[in-house]
N, C-alpha and C. Protein backbone atom coordinates (compact mmCIF):
# COMPACT_ATOMS: atom_id res chain seq x y z
N MET A 1 0.12 44.06 20.22
CA MET A 1 -0.67 43.04 20.09
C MET A 1 -0.79 42.64 18.49
N ARG A 2 -0.94 43.67 17.76
CA ARG A 2 -1.12 43.41 16.16
C ARG A 2 0.24 42.78 15.81
N ILE A 3 1.33 43.09 16.12
CA ILE A 3 2.55 42.71 15.74
C ILE A 3 2.98 41.24 16.05
N VAL A 4 2.27 40.94 17.21
CA VAL A 4 2.40 39.44 17.67
C VAL A 4 1.50 38.59 16.90
N ARG A 5 0.34 39.14 16.54
CA ARG A 5 -0.55 38.30 15.80
C ARG A 5 -0.07 38.19 14.33
N ALA A 6 0.43 39.06 13.81
CA ALA A 6 1.06 39.20 12.50
C ALA A 6 2.30 38.10 12.42
N LEU A 7 3.08 38.24 13.62
CA LEU A 7 4.08 37.16 13.41
C LEU A 7 3.79 35.78 13.69
N LEU A 8 2.64 35.53 14.43
CA LEU A 8 1.98 34.22 14.63
C LEU A 8 1.46 33.69 13.27
N ILE A 9 0.78 34.56 12.43
CA ILE A 9 0.11 34.27 11.25
C ILE A 9 1.24 33.89 10.21
N ALA A 10 2.29 34.78 10.26
CA ALA A 10 3.38 34.63 9.27
C ALA A 10 4.15 33.28 9.56
N SER A 11 4.26 32.95 10.88
CA SER A 11 5.07 31.71 11.23
C SER A 11 4.22 30.47 10.84
N ALA A 12 3.00 30.71 11.04
CA ALA A 12 2.01 29.48 10.75
C ALA A 12 1.99 29.16 9.10
N LEU A 13 1.97 30.22 8.41
CA LEU A 13 2.00 30.19 7.10
C LEU A 13 3.34 29.67 6.70
N ALA A 14 4.50 29.98 7.14
CA ALA A 14 5.85 29.51 6.67
C ALA A 14 5.82 28.04 7.08
N PHE A 15 5.25 27.63 8.13
CA PHE A 15 5.36 26.16 8.64
C PHE A 15 4.56 25.36 7.71
N THR A 16 3.45 25.77 7.38
CA THR A 16 2.58 24.92 6.42
C THR A 16 3.12 24.91 5.01
N ALA A 17 3.81 25.98 4.49
CA ALA A 17 4.42 25.72 3.19
C ALA A 17 5.57 24.80 3.11
N THR A 18 6.11 24.53 4.35
CA THR A 18 7.37 23.42 4.24
C THR A 18 6.69 22.03 4.26
N LEU A 19 5.57 21.83 4.60
CA LEU A 19 4.98 20.49 4.47
C LEU A 19 4.80 20.00 3.13
N THR A 20 5.31 18.65 2.87
CA THR A 20 5.19 18.09 1.64
C THR A 20 3.76 17.45 1.34
N PRO A 21 2.96 17.67 0.55
CA PRO A 21 1.82 16.99 0.28
C PRO A 21 2.04 15.76 -0.42
N VAL A 22 1.11 14.65 0.00
CA VAL A 22 1.40 13.35 -0.60
C VAL A 22 1.34 13.45 -1.99
N ALA A 23 0.79 14.21 -2.75
CA ALA A 23 0.62 14.14 -4.22
C ALA A 23 1.88 14.43 -4.81
N SER A 24 2.91 15.17 -3.96
CA SER A 24 4.31 15.45 -4.67
C SER A 24 5.27 14.40 -4.28
N ILE A 25 4.71 13.41 -3.59
CA ILE A 25 5.78 12.33 -3.27
C ILE A 25 5.73 11.38 -4.44
N PRO A 26 7.01 11.17 -5.06
CA PRO A 26 7.05 10.25 -6.23
C PRO A 26 6.19 9.00 -6.17
N ALA A 27 5.56 8.50 -7.26
CA ALA A 27 4.73 7.30 -7.14
C ALA A 27 5.40 6.08 -6.83
N ALA A 28 6.70 6.05 -7.09
CA ALA A 28 7.52 5.03 -6.87
C ALA A 28 7.75 4.75 -5.26
N ALA A 29 7.82 5.98 -4.59
CA ALA A 29 8.08 5.96 -3.12
C ALA A 29 6.77 5.59 -2.44
N GLN A 30 5.58 5.91 -3.16
CA GLN A 30 4.32 5.56 -2.38
C GLN A 30 3.94 4.11 -2.64
N THR A 31 4.47 3.46 -3.63
CA THR A 31 4.26 2.05 -3.83
C THR A 31 5.16 1.20 -3.36
N ALA A 32 6.34 1.86 -2.78
CA ALA A 32 7.51 0.93 -2.41
C ALA A 32 7.03 -0.07 -1.37
N ALA A 33 6.09 0.31 -0.51
CA ALA A 33 5.83 -0.67 0.51
C ALA A 33 4.73 -1.85 0.10
N LEU A 34 4.24 -1.69 -1.14
CA LEU A 34 3.29 -2.70 -1.47
C LEU A 34 4.01 -3.81 -1.88
N ILE A 35 3.31 -5.00 -1.71
CA ILE A 35 3.78 -6.32 -1.90
C ILE A 35 3.34 -6.90 -3.25
N ASP A 36 4.27 -7.24 -4.03
CA ASP A 36 3.76 -7.78 -5.35
C ASP A 36 3.52 -9.12 -5.25
N ILE A 37 2.30 -9.40 -5.52
CA ILE A 37 1.75 -10.94 -5.41
C ILE A 37 2.37 -11.72 -6.52
N ASN A 38 2.82 -11.19 -7.51
CA ASN A 38 3.50 -11.84 -8.61
C ASN A 38 4.91 -12.35 -8.38
N SER A 39 5.53 -11.59 -7.29
CA SER A 39 6.92 -12.00 -7.18
C SER A 39 7.33 -11.89 -5.68
N ALA A 40 6.49 -11.78 -4.66
CA ALA A 40 6.78 -11.81 -3.30
C ALA A 40 7.12 -13.28 -2.79
N ALA A 41 8.00 -13.28 -1.86
CA ALA A 41 8.66 -14.35 -1.12
C ALA A 41 7.43 -14.93 -0.22
N LYS A 42 7.26 -16.11 0.16
CA LYS A 42 6.26 -16.58 1.04
C LYS A 42 6.34 -15.98 2.21
N ALA A 43 7.42 -15.62 2.91
CA ALA A 43 7.40 -14.87 4.30
C ALA A 43 6.72 -13.57 3.95
N ASP A 44 6.97 -12.85 2.85
CA ASP A 44 6.31 -11.59 2.61
C ASP A 44 4.71 -11.64 2.66
N LEU A 45 4.45 -12.76 1.92
CA LEU A 45 2.88 -13.01 1.80
C LEU A 45 2.40 -13.28 3.05
N GLU A 46 3.02 -14.10 3.83
CA GLU A 46 2.53 -14.51 5.40
C GLU A 46 2.31 -13.27 6.16
N ALA A 47 3.06 -12.13 5.90
CA ALA A 47 3.09 -11.04 6.87
C ALA A 47 1.65 -10.31 6.69
N LEU A 48 1.06 -10.66 5.60
CA LEU A 48 -0.29 -9.92 5.27
C LEU A 48 -1.34 -10.58 6.26
N LYS A 49 -2.40 -9.65 6.66
CA LYS A 49 -3.26 -10.14 7.59
C LYS A 49 -4.28 -11.15 6.95
N GLY A 50 -4.31 -12.28 7.56
CA GLY A 50 -5.36 -13.34 7.11
C GLY A 50 -4.56 -14.31 6.08
N VAL A 51 -3.27 -14.08 5.91
CA VAL A 51 -2.48 -15.00 4.96
C VAL A 51 -1.46 -15.71 5.73
N GLY A 52 -1.70 -17.13 5.81
CA GLY A 52 -0.99 -17.94 6.66
C GLY A 52 -0.14 -18.68 5.52
N PRO A 53 0.66 -19.79 6.08
CA PRO A 53 1.50 -20.61 5.18
C PRO A 53 0.61 -21.20 3.77
N ALA A 54 -0.57 -21.78 4.19
CA ALA A 54 -1.29 -22.46 3.19
C ALA A 54 -1.86 -21.30 2.26
N ARG A 55 -2.24 -20.22 2.49
CA ARG A 55 -2.73 -19.32 1.71
C ARG A 55 -1.58 -18.70 0.82
N ALA A 56 -0.38 -18.46 1.47
CA ALA A 56 0.70 -18.00 0.79
C ALA A 56 1.11 -18.94 -0.16
N ASP A 57 1.15 -20.27 0.14
CA ASP A 57 1.50 -21.21 -1.04
C ASP A 57 0.41 -21.29 -2.11
N ALA A 58 -0.91 -21.04 -1.75
CA ALA A 58 -1.82 -20.94 -2.81
C ALA A 58 -1.49 -19.83 -3.71
N ILE A 59 -1.23 -18.61 -3.20
CA ILE A 59 -0.98 -17.36 -3.81
C ILE A 59 0.16 -17.65 -4.93
N ILE A 60 1.32 -18.21 -4.35
CA ILE A 60 2.47 -18.68 -5.29
C ILE A 60 2.04 -19.44 -6.30
N LYS A 61 1.35 -20.59 -6.04
CA LYS A 61 0.98 -21.52 -7.05
C LYS A 61 0.07 -21.00 -8.25
N GLY A 62 -0.80 -20.04 -7.73
CA GLY A 62 -1.73 -19.31 -8.74
C GLY A 62 -1.09 -18.35 -9.60
N ARG A 63 0.16 -18.07 -9.39
CA ARG A 63 0.89 -17.02 -10.37
C ARG A 63 0.82 -17.33 -11.82
N PRO A 64 0.80 -16.36 -12.63
CA PRO A 64 0.90 -15.03 -12.51
C PRO A 64 -0.55 -14.47 -12.43
N TYR A 65 -0.74 -13.30 -11.85
CA TYR A 65 -2.10 -12.64 -11.78
C TYR A 65 -1.98 -11.40 -12.67
N LYS A 66 -3.19 -11.25 -13.32
CA LYS A 66 -3.26 -9.93 -14.20
C LYS A 66 -3.61 -8.68 -13.32
N GLY A 67 -4.38 -8.99 -12.21
CA GLY A 67 -4.73 -7.90 -11.28
C GLY A 67 -4.84 -8.47 -9.91
N LYS A 68 -4.70 -7.57 -8.81
CA LYS A 68 -4.78 -8.17 -7.53
C LYS A 68 -6.12 -8.83 -7.23
N ASP A 69 -7.18 -8.28 -8.00
CA ASP A 69 -8.43 -8.92 -7.57
C ASP A 69 -8.52 -10.35 -8.04
N ASP A 70 -7.68 -10.61 -8.83
CA ASP A 70 -7.61 -12.11 -9.37
C ASP A 70 -7.57 -13.07 -8.17
N LEU A 71 -7.00 -12.75 -6.99
CA LEU A 71 -6.91 -13.49 -5.90
C LEU A 71 -8.38 -13.99 -5.35
N VAL A 72 -9.32 -13.13 -5.52
CA VAL A 72 -10.66 -13.43 -5.16
C VAL A 72 -11.35 -14.11 -6.24
N THR A 73 -11.28 -13.76 -7.57
CA THR A 73 -11.93 -14.39 -8.82
C THR A 73 -11.27 -15.71 -8.92
N LYS A 74 -10.11 -15.99 -8.67
CA LYS A 74 -9.56 -17.20 -8.93
C LYS A 74 -9.65 -18.26 -7.64
N LYS A 75 -10.43 -17.54 -6.58
CA LYS A 75 -10.76 -18.24 -5.38
C LYS A 75 -9.59 -18.66 -4.57
N ILE A 76 -8.44 -17.93 -4.56
CA ILE A 76 -7.25 -18.17 -3.97
C ILE A 76 -7.62 -17.73 -2.27
N ILE A 77 -8.10 -16.54 -2.22
CA ILE A 77 -8.46 -16.14 -0.83
C ILE A 77 -9.96 -15.54 -0.84
N PRO A 78 -10.55 -15.65 0.40
CA PRO A 78 -11.90 -15.03 0.47
C PRO A 78 -11.99 -13.68 0.32
N GLU A 79 -13.15 -13.03 0.10
CA GLU A 79 -13.36 -11.61 -0.08
C GLU A 79 -12.99 -10.96 1.15
N ASN A 80 -13.20 -11.30 2.39
CA ASN A 80 -13.03 -10.66 3.59
C ASN A 80 -11.53 -10.43 3.81
N VAL A 81 -10.75 -11.41 3.44
CA VAL A 81 -9.20 -11.38 3.69
C VAL A 81 -8.82 -10.31 2.47
N TYR A 82 -9.28 -10.47 1.25
CA TYR A 82 -8.80 -9.49 0.37
C TYR A 82 -9.25 -7.94 0.76
N LYS A 83 -10.27 -7.68 1.42
CA LYS A 83 -10.60 -6.36 1.79
C LYS A 83 -9.56 -5.81 2.64
N ASP A 84 -9.03 -6.71 3.50
CA ASP A 84 -8.12 -6.30 4.55
C ASP A 84 -6.79 -6.09 3.91
N ILE A 85 -6.37 -6.74 2.72
CA ILE A 85 -5.00 -6.64 2.10
C ILE A 85 -4.90 -5.93 0.77
N LYS A 86 -6.05 -5.63 0.27
CA LYS A 86 -6.08 -4.96 -0.94
C LYS A 86 -5.25 -3.55 -1.17
N ASP A 87 -5.16 -2.89 -0.10
CA ASP A 87 -4.30 -1.57 -0.13
C ASP A 87 -2.80 -1.87 0.15
N LYS A 88 -2.57 -3.25 0.38
CA LYS A 88 -1.07 -3.52 0.74
C LYS A 88 -0.37 -4.27 -0.29
N ILE A 89 -1.22 -4.63 -1.62
CA ILE A 89 -0.67 -5.51 -2.48
C ILE A 89 -0.70 -5.01 -3.86
N ILE A 90 0.01 -5.52 -4.76
CA ILE A 90 -0.06 -4.97 -6.20
C ILE A 90 0.33 -6.17 -7.06
N ALA A 91 -0.15 -6.17 -8.21
CA ALA A 91 0.09 -7.22 -9.25
C ALA A 91 0.80 -6.73 -10.41
N LYS A 92 2.17 -6.66 -10.39
CA LYS A 92 2.91 -6.03 -11.44
C LYS A 92 3.00 -6.96 -12.63
N GLN A 93 2.91 -6.45 -13.83
CA GLN A 93 2.98 -7.29 -14.98
C GLN A 93 4.47 -7.25 -15.53
N LYS A 94 5.03 -8.39 -15.86
CA LYS A 94 6.46 -8.32 -16.54
C LYS A 94 6.45 -8.03 -17.92
C-alpha cells in the first residue's frame, strides 16, 4: 500500500513539473493575439465585441493612439465597450 501511494505521489509530482507556467511563456507569444488599434485592419477591429463598421472606421480615423485608453478619452468608443475589449487590444508605438 505504501509503495502504491509513493508511486502515485511521485507520478503526480512528475506531471506537475512538466506543466509550463504562464510566466515562462515569452511575452511576444502572450501578446500575439492582441489587436493593435494603431495598425489593425477594419475587419480585425470589427471582430471585437461592440465594434461594428462605424466604430471601426472611427478607430481608424482617430489614429495614432498613445495608449489603448485613448479610445475612451477621445470619445471613440463608450466606456462599457472599452471594458469588454481592453484585454484584447494594444496600442503599439512606432
